[in-house]
Amino acid sequence: MGSKHDQPQPTDPVWNECHGDAEVIQLLKNRISELEGEIKACNELLAELPDVFERRFQQRLERLMERYQLLAEQVDQEQIERPQPVLRLPKFLQKRQRSA
């Protein structure tokens, strides 16, 4: 190489390659740190996913239950307002029941 101490100097092409490699290594380390942070954030979101689904399910279930309740109240009100017909057995079945 070009120095007395066998160390690359700024004027040597070897120094530029080593210096460039160090920068690339540092950039790669930085990128790895960024990606690890993204992975951690994704894992946190995945951990929350069941709760998100549960909340969403509960919201939909509440709406269905409200509709069901309104329909049940409406049916109850209709039954109160109009008398229900009394179902009677046909005469031939009434005789059978008595004999049985």
C-alpha atoms as a PDB file:
ATOM      1  CA  MET A   1       0.000   0.000   0.000  1.00  0.00           C
ATOM      2  CA  GLY A   2       1.091   3.569  -0.118  1.00  0.00           C
ATOM      3  CA  SER A   3       2.097   4.308   3.505  1.00  0.00           C
ATOM      4  CA  LYS A   4       4.865   3.482   5.913  1.00  0.00           C
ATOM      5  CA  HIS A   5       2.555   1.910   8.502  1.00  0.00           C
ATOM      6  CA  ASP A   6       0.702  -0.461   6.141  1.00  0.00           C
ATOM      7  CA  GLN A   7      -2.565   1.353   6.944  1.00  0.00           C
ATOM      8  CA  PRO A   8      -4.746   2.625   4.094  1.00  0.00           C
ATOM      9  CA  GLN A   9      -4.542   6.400   3.692  1.00  0.00           C
ATOM     10  CA  PRO A  10      -7.228   8.734   2.223  1.00  0.00           C
ATOM     11  CA  THR A  11      -5.289   8.910  -1.016  1.00  0.00           C
ATOM     12  CA  ASP A  12      -5.187   5.122  -1.474  1.00  0.00           C
ATOM     13  CA  PRO A  13      -8.010   3.368  -3.407  1.00  0.00           C
ATOM     14  CA  VAL A  14      -8.091   0.732  -0.651  1.00  0.00           C
ATOM     15  CA  TRP A  15      -8.927   3.432   1.926  1.00  0.00           C
ATOM     16  CA  ASN A  16     -11.807   4.662  -0.242  1.00  0.00           C
ATOM     17  CA  GLU A  17     -13.157   1.096  -0.586  1.00  0.00           C
ATOM     18  CA  CYS A  18     -12.912   0.470   3.157  1.00  0.00           C
ATOM     19  CA  HIS A  19     -14.402   3.848   3.972  1.00  0.00           C
ATOM     20  CA  GLY A  20     -17.226   3.241   1.465  1.00  0.00           C
ATOM     21  CA  ASP A  21     -17.806  -0.209   2.899  1.00  0.00           C
ATOM     22  CA  ALA A  22     -18.101   1.250   6.388  1.00  0.00           C
ATOM     23  CA  GLU A  23     -20.738   3.704   5.152  1.00  0.00           C
ATOM     24  CA  VAL A  24     -22.645   0.928   3.406  1.00  0.00           C
ATOM     25  CA  ILE A  25     -22.469  -1.218   6.532  1.00  0.00           C
ATOM     26  CA  GLN A  26     -23.777   1.677   8.638  1.00  0.00           C
ATOM     27  CA  LEU A  27     -26.600   2.332   6.153  1.00  0.00           C
ATOM     28  CA  LEU A  28     -27.526  -1.352   6.210  1.00  0.00           C
ATOM     29  CA  LYS A  29     -27.490  -1.378  10.012  1.00  0.00           C
ATOM     30  CA  ASN A  30     -29.754   1.678  10.020  1.00  0.00           C
ATOM     31  CA  ARG A  31     -32.120   0.020   7.551  1.00  0.00           C
ATOM     32  CA  ILE A  32     -32.175  -3.151   9.658  1.00  0.00           C
ATOM     33  CA  SER A  33     -33.108  -1.052  12.703  1.00  0.00           C
ATOM     34  CA  GLU A  34     -35.914   0.624  10.747  1.00  0.00           C
ATOM     35  CA  LEU A  35     -37.243  -2.721   9.538  1.00  0.00           C
ATOM     36  CA  GLU A  36     -37.067  -4.189  13.042  1.00  0.00           C
ATOM     37  CA  GLY A  37     -39.130  -1.220  14.239  1.00  0.00           C
ATOM     38  CA  GLU A  38     -41.698  -1.853  11.503  1.00  0.00           C
ATOM     39  CA  ILE A  39     -41.837  -5.549  12.430  1.00  0.00           C
ATOM     40  CA  LYS A  40     -42.396  -4.629  16.074  1.00  0.00           C
ATOM     41  CA  ALA A  41     -45.228  -2.265  15.092  1.00  0.00           C
ATOM     42  CA  CYS A  42     -46.805  -4.955  12.892  1.00  0.00           C
ATOM     43  CA  ASN A  43     -46.591  -7.496  15.707  1.00  0.00           C
ATOM     44  CA  GLU A  44     -48.292  -5.055  18.067  1.00  0.00           C
ATOM     45  CA  LEU A  45     -51.087  -4.556  15.530  1.00  0.00           C
ATOM     46  CA  LEU A  46     -51.445  -8.311  15.122  1.00  0.00           C
ATOM     47  CA  ALA A  47     -51.733  -8.679  18.878  1.00  0.00           C
ATOM     48  CA  GLU A  48     -54.601  -6.148  18.869  1.00  0.00           C
ATOM     49  CA  LEU A  49     -56.394  -7.785  15.940  1.00  0.00           C
ATOM     50  CA  PRO A  50     -58.570 -10.210  17.964  1.00  0.00           C
ATOM     51  CA  ASP A  51     -59.801  -7.303  20.100  1.00  0.00           C
ATOM     52  CA  VAL A  52     -60.596  -5.295  16.975  1.00  0.00           C
ATOM     53  CA  PHE A  53     -62.631  -8.176  15.562  1.00  0.00           C
ATOM     54  CA  GLU A  54     -64.402  -8.668  18.886  1.00  0.00           C
ATOM     55  CA  ARG A  55     -65.367  -4.985  19.100  1.00  0.00           C
ATOM     56  CA  ARG A  56     -66.573  -5.002  15.496  1.00  0.00           C
ATOM     57  CA  PHE A  57     -68.604  -8.153  16.103  1.00  0.00           C
ATOM     58  CA  GLN A  58     -70.158  -6.631  19.234  1.00  0.00           C
ATOM     59  CA  GLN A  59     -71.112  -3.490  17.313  1.00  0.00           C
ATOM     60  CA  ARG A  60     -72.862  -5.514  14.629  1.00  0.00           C
ATOM     61  CA  LEU A  61     -74.501  -7.760  17.196  1.00  0.00           C
ATOM     62  CA  GLU A  62     -75.837  -4.745  19.103  1.00  0.00           C
ATOM     63  CA  ARG A  63     -77.466  -3.402  15.943  1.00  0.00           C
ATOM     64  CA  LEU A  64     -79.042  -6.789  15.223  1.00  0.00           C
ATOM     65  CA  MET A  65     -80.289  -7.085  18.791  1.00  0.00           C
ATOM     66  CA  GLU A  66     -81.836  -3.609  18.587  1.00  0.00           C
ATOM     67  CA  ARG A  67     -83.640  -4.561  15.370  1.00  0.00           C
ATOM     68  CA  TYR A  68     -84.777  -7.830  16.907  1.00  0.00           C
ATOM     69  CA  GLN A  69     -86.085  -6.004  19.975  1.00  0.00           C
ATOM     70  CA  LEU A  70     -88.002  -3.514  17.820  1.00  0.00           C
ATOM     71  CA  LEU A  71     -89.527  -6.332  15.755  1.00  0.00           C
ATOM     72  CA  ALA A  72     -90.456  -8.266  18.904  1.00  0.00           C
ATOM     73  CA  GLU A  73     -92.139  -5.178  20.352  1.00  0.00           C
ATOM     74  CA  GLN A  74     -93.971  -4.591  17.083  1.00  0.00           C
ATOM     75  CA  VAL A  75     -95.233  -8.189  16.986  1.00  0.00           C
ATOM     76  CA  ASP A  76     -96.308  -7.971  20.637  1.00  0.00           C
ATOM     77  CA  GLN A  77     -98.164  -4.742  19.923  1.00  0.00           C
ATOM     78  CA  GLU A  78     -99.912  -6.255  16.889  1.00  0.00           C
ATOM     79  CA  GLN A  79    -100.984  -9.264  18.927  1.00  0.00           C
ATOM     80  CA  ILE A  80    -102.444  -7.004  21.604  1.00  0.00           C
ATOM     81  CA  GLU A  81    -104.307  -4.855  19.078  1.00  0.00           C
ATOM     82  CA  ARG A  82    -106.016  -7.705  17.220  1.00  0.00           C
ATOM     83  CA  PRO A  83    -107.449 -10.737  18.894  1.00  0.00           C
ATOM     84  CA  GLN A  84    -105.908 -14.034  17.964  1.00  0.00           C
ATOM     85  CA  PRO A  85    -108.259 -16.596  16.469  1.00  0.00           C
ATOM     86  CA  VAL A  86    -108.843 -19.646  18.585  1.00  0.00           C
ATOM     87  CA  LEU A  87    -107.853 -22.743  16.711  1.00  0.00           C
ATOM     88  CA  ARG A  88    -110.370 -25.510  16.985  1.00  0.00           C
ATOM     89  CA  LEU A  89    -109.963 -29.080  15.988  1.00  0.00           C
ATOM     90  CA  PRO A  90    -112.177 -30.353  13.220  1.00  0.00           C
ATOM     91  CA  LYS A  91    -115.192 -32.284  14.524  1.00  0.00           C
ATOM     92  CA  PHE A  92    -113.920 -35.655  13.331  1.00  0.00           C
ATOM     93  CA  LEU A  93    -110.701 -35.157  15.339  1.00  0.00           C
ATOM     94  CA  GLN A  94    -112.611 -34.069  18.430  1.00  0.00           C
ATOM     95  CA  LYS A  95    -114.521 -37.355  18.432  1.00  0.00           C
ATOM     96  CA  ARG A  96    -111.316 -39.338  18.082  1.00  0.00           C
ATOM     97  CA  GLN A  97    -109.746 -37.632  21.057  1.00  0.00           C
ATOM     98  CA  ARG A  98    -112.716 -38.463  23.227  1.00  0.00           C
ATOM     99  CA  SER A  99    -112.600 -42.105  22.299  1.00  0.00           C
ATOM    100  CA  ALA A 100    -108.887 -42.455  22.771  1.00  0.00           C
END
